Amino acid sequence: MGEVDSRCRFTRNAVSDEVSAARRWASYAWSENHVDGESLRIIDRFLELPLVYRVWQKPFVEDKLRPLLETGEIARARRVLDVGCGPGTNTPYFTASDYLGIDINPAYIDDATRKYGRRFIVADVTEYSASHEGEFDFILVNSMLHHIDPPGVRRLLSHIATLVSDDGFVHVLDIVLPPERFTPAGILARMDRGDHPRPISELEALVEDSLEIVSSAAYPLSLNKTALWQFAYFKCRPRKK
């Protein structure tokens, strides 16, 4: 057993080292104008591996969810739909809730199911019906919209509005594209796997096209007191008919 454990630790450490190296290379490549489309596609494929993605995200998961944790939204959640759940990075925060994670990546879903033993399905949420599970009082859309073009975002959010219970809310968290290009936040937003990072005003207007925004907040994601990303949070509900 000790040998197996040491191998697992070695694997995790090796993956962490590779991700750290990828981060350093990405920052250098962008700042020195050495980045190209093929290089970014290689990084994208690397991050599609569930373990690599989880290691990459681990330092920032709780920071992303900070507005929901500080306001008690997660503690009050009863029936949760985690849209674009990836390999289950948000799942540990919903141990007290009836939880369903949904993602189109089968590798992410297989990995999340093995690791957490909760309910996960491979599906396009825009084709998912509330009649399958019932309505949800807490729908999380975390770090997803910047991967989708504006018509796709409107289609996604409009459909999600049909899955919310009468007393429920949609919680949207997403990266913000800052005006400054050569700050850490500006560089990382432009190098993100998503092709559609947006200024906060544009992101807010896009969300508001499909949902009623009840409250919102802007906040940084930091590492060692350095703001690496700018994020925005929108608490929303379906528009009244």
Protein backbone atom coordinates (compact mmCIF):
# COMPACT_ATOMS: atom_id res chain seq x y z
CA MET A 1 0.00 0.00 0.00
CA GLY A 2 2.87 2.37 0.84
CA GLU A 3 4.33 1.90 -2.63
CA VAL A 4 0.98 2.67 -4.25
CA ASP A 5 0.56 5.77 -2.08
CA SER A 6 4.03 7.03 -2.93
CA ARG A 7 3.32 6.55 -6.62
CA CYS A 8 0.06 8.50 -6.29
CA ARG A 9 1.89 11.32 -4.53
CA PHE A 10 4.54 11.31 -7.23
CA THR A 11 1.85 11.48 -9.93
CA ARG A 12 0.07 14.37 -8.23
CA ASN A 13 3.33 16.24 -7.70
CA ALA A 14 4.37 15.66 -11.30
CA VAL A 15 1.04 16.94 -12.59
CA SER A 16 1.26 19.97 -10.31
CA ASP A 17 4.76 20.70 -11.57
CA GLU A 18 3.59 20.41 -15.18
CA VAL A 19 0.68 22.76 -14.58
CA SER A 20 2.97 25.28 -12.84
CA ALA A 21 5.34 25.09 -15.79
CA ALA A 22 2.45 25.60 -18.20
CA ARG A 23 1.35 28.69 -16.26
CA ARG A 24 4.85 30.18 -16.32
CA TRP A 25 5.26 29.41 -20.02
CA ALA A 26 1.88 30.91 -20.87
CA SER A 27 2.67 34.16 -19.06
CA TYR A 28 6.08 34.42 -20.74
CA ALA A 29 4.75 33.51 -24.17
CA TRP A 30 2.02 36.10 -24.07
CA SER A 31 4.12 38.93 -22.66
CA GLU A 32 6.90 38.28 -25.17
CA ASN A 33 4.50 37.89 -28.08
CA HIS A 34 5.62 34.29 -28.61
CA VAL A 35 2.17 32.73 -28.22
CA ASP A 36 0.31 31.37 -31.22
CA GLY A 37 -2.94 29.52 -31.87
CA GLU A 38 -1.38 26.07 -31.98
CA SER A 39 0.37 26.57 -28.64
CA LEU A 40 -2.89 27.62 -27.02
CA ARG A 41 -4.64 24.58 -28.48
CA ILE A 42 -1.99 22.34 -26.89
CA ILE A 43 -2.65 23.94 -23.50
CA ASP A 44 -6.40 23.53 -24.06
CA ARG A 45 -6.01 19.80 -24.71
CA PHE A 46 -3.77 19.49 -21.66
CA LEU A 47 -6.42 21.10 -19.45
CA GLU A 48 -9.12 18.77 -20.79
CA LEU A 49 -7.52 16.00 -18.71
CA PRO A 50 -9.65 15.83 -15.52
CA LEU A 51 -6.75 15.54 -13.05
CA VAL A 52 -4.82 18.36 -14.69
CA TYR A 53 -7.88 20.60 -14.75
CA ARG A 54 -8.58 19.87 -11.07
CA VAL A 55 -5.01 20.67 -10.02
CA TRP A 56 -5.09 23.88 -12.09
CA GLN A 57 -8.34 25.02 -10.49
CA LYS A 58 -7.76 23.89 -6.90
CA PRO A 59 -6.20 27.14 -5.58
CA PHE A 60 -9.11 29.20 -6.90
CA VAL A 61 -12.28 27.12 -6.39
CA GLU A 62 -13.23 28.59 -3.02
CA ASP A 63 -12.23 32.08 -4.12
CA LYS A 64 -14.58 31.81 -7.10
CA LEU A 65 -17.45 30.76 -4.86
CA ARG A 66 -16.73 33.45 -2.26
CA PRO A 67 -19.87 35.57 -2.92
CA LEU A 68 -22.05 32.48 -2.50
CA LEU A 69 -20.29 31.33 0.65
CA GLU A 70 -20.26 34.75 2.31
CA THR A 71 -23.98 35.33 1.71
CA GLY A 72 -25.05 31.81 2.76
CA GLU A 73 -26.50 30.99 -0.66
CA ILE A 74 -24.79 27.58 -0.77
CA ALA A 75 -25.85 26.73 2.78
CA ARG A 76 -29.50 27.39 1.82
CA ALA A 77 -29.41 25.37 -1.41
CA ARG A 78 -31.76 22.38 -1.49
CA ARG A 79 -31.78 21.08 -5.08
CA VAL A 80 -28.67 22.04 -7.04
CA LEU A 81 -27.94 21.90 -10.76
CA ASP A 82 -24.26 22.53 -11.49
CA VAL A 83 -24.09 23.49 -15.18
CA GLY A 84 -20.78 22.74 -16.89
CA CYS A 85 -19.60 21.04 -13.71
CA GLY A 86 -16.32 19.76 -15.21
CA PRO A 87 -14.67 17.06 -13.06
CA GLY A 88 -16.72 18.09 -10.03
CA THR A 89 -14.60 20.91 -8.65
CA ASN A 90 -17.64 22.57 -7.03
CA THR A 91 -19.19 19.34 -5.73
CA PRO A 92 -17.63 19.25 -2.21
CA TYR A 93 -19.42 22.49 -1.33
CA PHE A 94 -22.86 20.89 -1.79
CA THR A 95 -22.69 17.90 0.56
CA ALA A 96 -25.92 18.99 2.29
CA SER A 97 -27.86 19.43 -0.98
CA ASP A 98 -29.54 17.19 -3.53
CA TYR A 99 -26.91 17.71 -6.23
CA LEU A 100 -26.75 17.06 -9.98
CA GLY A 101 -23.73 17.93 -12.12
CA ILE A 102 -24.05 18.18 -15.89
CA ASP A 103 -21.30 18.52 -18.51
CA ILE A 104 -20.78 17.61 -22.17
CA ASN A 105 -17.31 16.16 -21.54
CA PRO A 106 -17.61 12.39 -20.79
CA ALA A 107 -14.09 12.22 -19.31
CA TYR A 108 -14.95 14.94 -16.79
CA ILE A 109 -18.19 13.19 -15.82
CA ASP A 110 -16.55 9.76 -15.47
CA ASP A 111 -13.85 11.23 -13.26
CA ALA A 112 -16.32 13.22 -11.12
CA THR A 113 -18.55 10.18 -10.61
CA ARG A 114 -15.62 8.03 -9.46
CA LYS A 115 -14.23 10.70 -7.16
CA TYR A 116 -17.38 12.02 -5.49
CA GLY A 117 -20.08 9.36 -5.88
CA ARG A 118 -22.76 12.00 -6.54
CA ARG A 119 -25.12 12.27 -9.49
CA PHE A 120 -23.55 13.41 -12.74
CA ILE A 121 -24.75 13.16 -16.32
CA VAL A 122 -23.25 13.78 -19.75
CA ALA A 123 -25.61 16.12 -21.57
CA ASP A 124 -26.07 19.45 -23.27
CA VAL A 125 -28.02 21.44 -20.68
CA THR A 126 -29.95 23.27 -23.42
CA GLU A 127 -31.55 19.90 -24.23
CA TYR A 128 -32.16 18.93 -20.62
CA SER A 129 -35.71 18.97 -19.29
CA ALA A 130 -36.75 19.69 -15.71
CA SER A 131 -39.25 16.83 -16.03
CA HIS A 132 -36.29 14.45 -15.73
CA GLU A 133 -35.40 15.52 -12.18
CA GLY A 134 -37.83 18.23 -11.13
CA GLU A 135 -37.02 21.91 -10.78
CA PHE A 136 -33.97 23.31 -8.99
CA ASP A 137 -33.85 26.12 -6.43
CA PHE A 138 -30.10 26.66 -7.03
CA ILE A 139 -28.58 26.61 -10.51
CA LEU A 140 -24.86 27.31 -10.75
CA VAL A 141 -23.24 28.53 -13.98
CA ASN A 142 -19.61 28.83 -12.97
CA SER A 143 -16.91 29.97 -15.42
CA MET A 144 -18.89 28.87 -18.47
CA LEU A 145 -20.22 31.89 -20.34
CA HIS A 146 -16.82 33.03 -21.64
CA HIS A 147 -16.67 29.77 -23.62
CA ILE A 148 -19.88 30.63 -25.51
CA ASP A 149 -20.76 33.22 -28.15
CA PRO A 150 -23.61 35.71 -27.42
CA PRO A 151 -26.42 33.78 -29.19
CA GLY A 152 -25.32 30.63 -27.38
CA VAL A 153 -25.32 32.41 -24.01
CA ARG A 154 -28.85 33.69 -24.60
CA ARG A 155 -30.02 30.21 -25.60
CA LEU A 156 -28.36 28.65 -22.55
CA LEU A 157 -29.68 31.14 -19.99
CA SER A 158 -33.17 31.23 -21.49
CA HIS A 159 -33.39 27.45 -21.21
CA ILE A 160 -31.96 27.40 -17.69
CA ALA A 161 -34.74 29.81 -16.68
CA THR A 162 -37.22 26.99 -17.38
CA LEU A 163 -35.47 24.72 -14.87
CA VAL A 164 -35.70 27.05 -11.84
CA SER A 165 -38.26 26.54 -9.10
CA ASP A 166 -40.57 29.41 -8.17
CA ASP A 167 -38.40 30.29 -5.18
CA GLY A 168 -35.09 29.52 -6.90
CA PHE A 169 -32.23 31.49 -8.39
CA VAL A 170 -29.57 31.17 -11.07
CA HIS A 171 -26.07 32.02 -9.86
CA VAL A 172 -23.72 33.11 -12.65
CA LEU A 173 -19.98 33.45 -12.02
CA ASP A 174 -17.68 34.37 -14.86
CA ILE A 175 -14.36 35.88 -15.80
CA VAL A 176 -14.20 39.59 -16.64
CA LEU A 177 -12.05 41.01 -19.42
CA PRO A 178 -10.28 44.07 -17.95
CA PRO A 179 -9.35 47.00 -20.17
CA GLU A 180 -5.67 46.73 -19.23
CA ARG A 181 -3.94 44.19 -21.48
CA PHE A 182 -0.62 43.72 -19.68
CA THR A 183 -1.68 43.18 -16.10
CA PRO A 184 -1.86 39.58 -14.82
CA ALA A 185 -5.68 39.75 -14.99
CA GLY A 186 -5.61 41.11 -18.53
CA ILE A 187 -3.09 38.54 -19.77
CA LEU A 188 -4.83 35.55 -18.19
CA ALA A 189 -8.30 36.60 -19.35
CA ARG A 190 -7.06 36.82 -22.93
CA MET A 191 -5.22 33.49 -22.68
CA ASP A 192 -8.13 31.59 -21.12
CA ARG A 193 -9.51 28.57 -22.99
CA GLY A 194 -12.73 30.50 -23.51
CA ASP A 195 -12.83 32.55 -26.69
CA HIS A 196 -15.35 35.07 -25.36
CA PRO A 197 -14.14 36.88 -22.22
CA ARG A 198 -16.13 40.12 -21.87
CA PRO A 199 -15.93 43.47 -20.10
CA ILE A 200 -18.20 43.49 -17.08
CA SER A 201 -20.75 45.83 -18.68
CA GLU A 202 -21.07 43.54 -21.70
CA LEU A 203 -21.33 40.44 -19.51
CA GLU A 204 -24.02 42.04 -17.35
CA ALA A 205 -26.04 43.12 -20.40
CA LEU A 206 -25.83 39.63 -21.88
CA VAL A 207 -27.04 37.99 -18.65
CA GLU A 208 -29.82 40.56 -18.38
CA ASP A 209 -31.05 39.67 -21.87
CA SER A 210 -32.37 36.38 -20.48
CA LEU A 211 -32.69 36.75 -16.71
CA GLU A 212 -33.59 39.35 -14.11
CA ILE A 213 -30.49 40.28 -12.08
CA VAL A 214 -31.32 40.53 -8.37
CA SER A 215 -27.82 41.39 -7.15
CA SER A 216 -24.26 41.43 -8.45
CA ALA A 217 -20.66 41.77 -7.33
CA ALA A 218 -17.20 42.14 -8.87
CA TYR A 219 -14.18 40.62 -7.16
CA PRO A 220 -10.62 39.39 -7.83
CA LEU A 221 -9.22 35.87 -7.72
CA SER A 222 -5.84 36.11 -6.04
CA LEU A 223 -2.79 33.96 -5.41
CA ASN A 224 -0.15 35.14 -2.94
CA LYS A 225 -1.95 38.50 -2.77
CA THR A 226 -1.66 38.98 -6.54
CA ALA A 227 -4.95 39.44 -8.40
CA LEU A 228 -4.78 36.97 -11.29
CA TRP A 229 -8.34 37.17 -12.62
CA GLN A 230 -11.26 39.55 -12.29
CA PHE A 231 -14.60 37.85 -11.75
CA ALA A 232 -18.24 38.89 -11.65
CA TYR A 233 -21.18 37.31 -9.83
CA PHE A 234 -24.86 37.70 -10.75
CA LYS A 235 -27.73 36.35 -8.70
CA CYS A 236 -30.65 36.02 -11.08
CA ARG A 237 -34.18 34.74 -11.42
CA PRO A 238 -36.44 34.11 -14.41
CA ARG A 239 -38.26 37.13 -15.72
CA LYS A 240 -41.86 37.37 -14.64
CA LYS A 241 -44.27 36.35 -17.37
